[in-house]
Amino acid sequence: MGDRSDREATIELALELLAHLEQPELELADLVDRIETVTNDPHLTRDILDRAETRGIITREGAQIRTRRGGTFVRFESQVTVRSGEFTCRRCGASIENGHFIRFDAGELGPFGSSCIRKVTGREID
């Protein structure tokens, strides 16, 4: 039963991340890049995409994704914490000394480097 609850927790964390994206549109590959900061399991990624669409977080038109824009975004002042240490960025794999972590209701996601945190949230586009 622990595996099922871990799976559900991972899905909820990914859905919360997707609900907070600041980009109104992005390619499917870019959306999967965001999901891969939570999981690399392709079956779980498919479940996350399906649930995100079912819940109205995203709409899919081929490889183009539209995100729900309802005032949800990551509040850097209150939702992001920076910790010093030796970390590996969850997005790009780089070694970083300052890890940025996003706090969601479903859990914490990170660490990310200073530029990857902006890319993951959609605040900055590649």
C-alpha atoms as a PDB file:
ATOM      1  CA  MET A   1       0.000   0.000   0.000  1.00  0.00           C
ATOM      2  CA  GLY A   2       2.976   2.323   0.538  1.00  0.00           C
ATOM      3  CA  ASP A   3       3.782   2.202  -3.196  1.00  0.00           C
ATOM      4  CA  ARG A   4       0.275   3.362  -4.087  1.00  0.00           C
ATOM      5  CA  SER A   5       0.401   6.291  -1.677  1.00  0.00           C
ATOM      6  CA  ASP A   6       3.906   7.247  -2.882  1.00  0.00           C
ATOM      7  CA  ARG A   7       2.612   7.128  -6.462  1.00  0.00           C
ATOM      8  CA  GLU A   8      -0.389   9.296  -5.567  1.00  0.00           C
ATOM      9  CA  ALA A   9       1.834  11.775  -3.690  1.00  0.00           C
ATOM     10  CA  THR A  10       4.116  12.045  -6.736  1.00  0.00           C
ATOM     11  CA  ILE A  11       1.139  12.610  -9.037  1.00  0.00           C
ATOM     12  CA  GLU A  12      -0.316  15.286  -6.752  1.00  0.00           C
ATOM     13  CA  LEU A  13       3.036  17.088  -6.526  1.00  0.00           C
ATOM     14  CA  ALA A  14       3.373  17.106 -10.320  1.00  0.00           C
ATOM     15  CA  LEU A  15      -0.216  18.313 -10.759  1.00  0.00           C
ATOM     16  CA  GLU A  16       0.401  21.125  -8.319  1.00  0.00           C
ATOM     17  CA  LEU A  17       3.512  22.144 -10.267  1.00  0.00           C
ATOM     18  CA  LEU A  18       1.565  22.139 -13.546  1.00  0.00           C
ATOM     19  CA  ALA A  19      -1.239  24.177 -11.975  1.00  0.00           C
ATOM     20  CA  HIS A  20       1.340  26.837 -11.048  1.00  0.00           C
ATOM     21  CA  LEU A  21       3.014  27.213 -14.464  1.00  0.00           C
ATOM     22  CA  GLU A  22       3.163  30.818 -15.582  1.00  0.00           C
ATOM     23  CA  GLN A  23       3.299  30.099 -19.321  1.00  0.00           C
ATOM     24  CA  PRO A  24      -0.114  30.095 -21.032  1.00  0.00           C
ATOM     25  CA  GLU A  25       1.114  27.755 -23.803  1.00  0.00           C
ATOM     26  CA  LEU A  26       3.992  25.371 -24.238  1.00  0.00           C
ATOM     27  CA  GLU A  27       5.015  22.371 -26.282  1.00  0.00           C
ATOM     28  CA  LEU A  28       4.341  18.879 -24.945  1.00  0.00           C
ATOM     29  CA  ALA A  29       8.113  18.270 -24.699  1.00  0.00           C
ATOM     30  CA  ASP A  30       8.479  21.348 -22.476  1.00  0.00           C
ATOM     31  CA  LEU A  31       5.627  20.182 -20.260  1.00  0.00           C
ATOM     32  CA  VAL A  32       7.210  16.735 -19.950  1.00  0.00           C
ATOM     33  CA  ASP A  33      10.486  18.497 -19.006  1.00  0.00           C
ATOM     34  CA  ARG A  34       8.618  20.028 -16.040  1.00  0.00           C
ATOM     35  CA  ILE A  35       7.065  16.690 -15.072  1.00  0.00           C
ATOM     36  CA  GLU A  36      10.499  15.036 -15.171  1.00  0.00           C
ATOM     37  CA  THR A  37      11.544  17.231 -12.255  1.00  0.00           C
ATOM     38  CA  VAL A  38       9.097  15.125 -10.234  1.00  0.00           C
ATOM     39  CA  THR A  39       9.376  11.697 -11.919  1.00  0.00           C
ATOM     40  CA  ASN A  40      11.147   9.990 -14.809  1.00  0.00           C
ATOM     41  CA  ASP A  41       8.676   7.085 -14.893  1.00  0.00           C
ATOM     42  CA  PRO A  42       6.970   7.199 -18.332  1.00  0.00           C
ATOM     43  CA  HIS A  43       3.820   5.457 -17.024  1.00  0.00           C
ATOM     44  CA  LEU A  44       3.515   7.962 -14.206  1.00  0.00           C
ATOM     45  CA  THR A  45       4.128  10.821 -16.656  1.00  0.00           C
ATOM     46  CA  ARG A  46       1.219   9.562 -18.795  1.00  0.00           C
ATOM     47  CA  ASP A  47      -1.026   9.356 -15.701  1.00  0.00           C
ATOM     48  CA  ILE A  48      -0.019  12.898 -14.697  1.00  0.00           C
ATOM     49  CA  LEU A  49      -0.839  14.249 -18.184  1.00  0.00           C
ATOM     50  CA  ASP A  50      -4.192  12.446 -18.231  1.00  0.00           C
ATOM     51  CA  ARG A  51      -5.165  13.675 -14.756  1.00  0.00           C
ATOM     52  CA  ALA A  52      -4.021  17.224 -15.529  1.00  0.00           C
ATOM     53  CA  GLU A  53      -6.307  17.231 -18.550  1.00  0.00           C
ATOM     54  CA  THR A  54      -9.208  15.631 -16.644  1.00  0.00           C
ATOM     55  CA  ARG A  55      -8.907  18.225 -13.862  1.00  0.00           C
ATOM     56  CA  GLY A  56      -8.771  21.102 -16.342  1.00  0.00           C
ATOM     57  CA  ILE A  57      -5.195  22.095 -15.459  1.00  0.00           C
ATOM     58  CA  ILE A  58      -4.165  21.725 -19.106  1.00  0.00           C
ATOM     59  CA  THR A  59      -5.785  21.302 -22.490  1.00  0.00           C
ATOM     60  CA  ARG A  60      -4.002  19.481 -25.289  1.00  0.00           C
ATOM     61  CA  GLU A  61      -4.136  20.298 -28.968  1.00  0.00           C
ATOM     62  CA  GLY A  62      -1.677  17.880 -30.559  1.00  0.00           C
ATOM     63  CA  ALA A  63       1.784  18.745 -29.262  1.00  0.00           C
ATOM     64  CA  GLN A  64       0.630  22.177 -28.039  1.00  0.00           C
ATOM     65  CA  ILE A  65      -0.450  22.518 -24.412  1.00  0.00           C
ATOM     66  CA  ARG A  66      -2.489  25.342 -22.931  1.00  0.00           C
ATOM     67  CA  THR A  67      -2.326  25.850 -19.189  1.00  0.00           C
ATOM     68  CA  ARG A  68      -5.115  27.056 -16.952  1.00  0.00           C
ATOM     69  CA  ARG A  69      -4.569  30.681 -16.031  1.00  0.00           C
ATOM     70  CA  GLY A  70      -6.473  31.284 -12.840  1.00  0.00           C
ATOM     71  CA  GLY A  71      -4.127  33.404 -10.780  1.00  0.00           C
ATOM     72  CA  THR A  72      -2.067  30.444  -9.588  1.00  0.00           C
ATOM     73  CA  PHE A  73       1.661  30.902  -9.766  1.00  0.00           C
ATOM     74  CA  VAL A  74       4.613  30.206  -7.536  1.00  0.00           C
ATOM     75  CA  ARG A  75       5.034  33.023  -5.039  1.00  0.00           C
ATOM     76  CA  PHE A  76       8.798  33.231  -4.794  1.00  0.00           C
ATOM     77  CA  GLU A  77       8.695  35.249  -1.567  1.00  0.00           C
ATOM     78  CA  SER A  78       6.650  32.677   0.347  1.00  0.00           C
ATOM     79  CA  GLN A  79       6.826  29.379  -1.568  1.00  0.00           C
ATOM     80  CA  VAL A  80      10.513  29.203  -2.516  1.00  0.00           C
ATOM     81  CA  THR A  81      13.246  28.624   0.023  1.00  0.00           C
ATOM     82  CA  VAL A  82      16.971  28.701  -0.665  1.00  0.00           C
ATOM     83  CA  ARG A  83      19.318  26.435   1.227  1.00  0.00           C
ATOM     84  CA  SER A  84      23.107  26.418   1.103  1.00  0.00           C
ATOM     85  CA  GLY A  85      24.890  23.121   0.670  1.00  0.00           C
ATOM     86  CA  GLU A  86      26.003  20.717  -2.010  1.00  0.00           C
ATOM     87  CA  PHE A  87      23.086  19.901  -4.293  1.00  0.00           C
ATOM     88  CA  THR A  88      22.371  18.574  -7.769  1.00  0.00           C
ATOM     89  CA  CYS A  89      19.735  20.470  -9.766  1.00  0.00           C
ATOM     90  CA  ARG A  90      16.702  18.258 -10.440  1.00  0.00           C
ATOM     91  CA  ARG A  91      16.218  19.846 -13.842  1.00  0.00           C
ATOM     92  CA  CYS A  92      19.673  20.082 -15.428  1.00  0.00           C
ATOM     93  CA  GLY A  93      21.845  17.916 -13.177  1.00  0.00           C
ATOM     94  CA  ALA A  94      24.385  20.667 -12.444  1.00  0.00           C
ATOM     95  CA  SER A  95      26.151  20.856  -9.098  1.00  0.00           C
ATOM     96  CA  ILE A  96      24.852  23.848  -7.158  1.00  0.00           C
ATOM     97  CA  GLU A  97      25.678  25.435  -3.816  1.00  0.00           C
ATOM     98  CA  ASN A  98      22.348  27.198  -3.355  1.00  0.00           C
ATOM     99  CA  GLY A  99      19.350  24.923  -3.818  1.00  0.00           C
ATOM    100  CA  HIS A 100      15.968  26.493  -4.517  1.00  0.00           C
ATOM    101  CA  PHE A 101      13.015  24.453  -3.232  1.00  0.00           C
ATOM    102  CA  ILE A 102       9.327  25.050  -4.028  1.00  0.00           C
ATOM    103  CA  ARG A 103       6.824  24.340  -1.243  1.00  0.00           C
ATOM    104  CA  PHE A 104       3.440  23.104  -2.436  1.00  0.00           C
ATOM    105  CA  ASP A 105       0.571  21.694  -0.391  1.00  0.00           C
ATOM    106  CA  ALA A 106       1.448  18.260  -1.809  1.00  0.00           C
ATOM    107  CA  GLY A 107       5.112  18.511  -0.757  1.00  0.00           C
ATOM    108  CA  GLU A 108       8.431  20.098  -1.581  1.00  0.00           C
ATOM    109  CA  LEU A 109      10.091  20.035  -5.004  1.00  0.00           C
ATOM    110  CA  GLY A 110      13.767  20.721  -5.613  1.00  0.00           C
ATOM    111  CA  PRO A 111      16.561  21.483  -5.470  1.00  0.00           C
ATOM    112  CA  PHE A 112      16.906  23.701  -8.514  1.00  0.00           C
ATOM    113  CA  GLY A 113      19.534  26.206  -9.546  1.00  0.00           C
ATOM    114  CA  SER A 114      18.631  29.890  -9.790  1.00  0.00           C
ATOM    115  CA  SER A 115      17.881  29.803 -13.527  1.00  0.00           C
ATOM    116  CA  CYS A 116      16.227  26.359 -13.540  1.00  0.00           C
ATOM    117  CA  ILE A 117      13.741  27.386 -10.824  1.00  0.00           C
ATOM    118  CA  ARG A 118      12.504  30.146 -13.148  1.00  0.00           C
ATOM    119  CA  LYS A 119      12.339  27.765 -16.121  1.00  0.00           C
ATOM    120  CA  VAL A 120      10.484  25.066 -14.174  1.00  0.00           C
ATOM    121  CA  THR A 121       7.824  27.516 -13.028  1.00  0.00           C
ATOM    122  CA  GLY A 122       7.551  29.124 -16.460  1.00  0.00           C
ATOM    123  CA  ARG A 123       8.759  32.484 -15.244  1.00  0.00           C
ATOM    124  CA  GLU A 124      11.592  32.276 -17.773  1.00  0.00           C
ATOM    125  CA  ILE A 125      11.484  30.572 -21.159  1.00  0.00           C
ATOM    126  CA  ASP A 126      14.449  28.661 -22.625  1.00  0.00           C
END
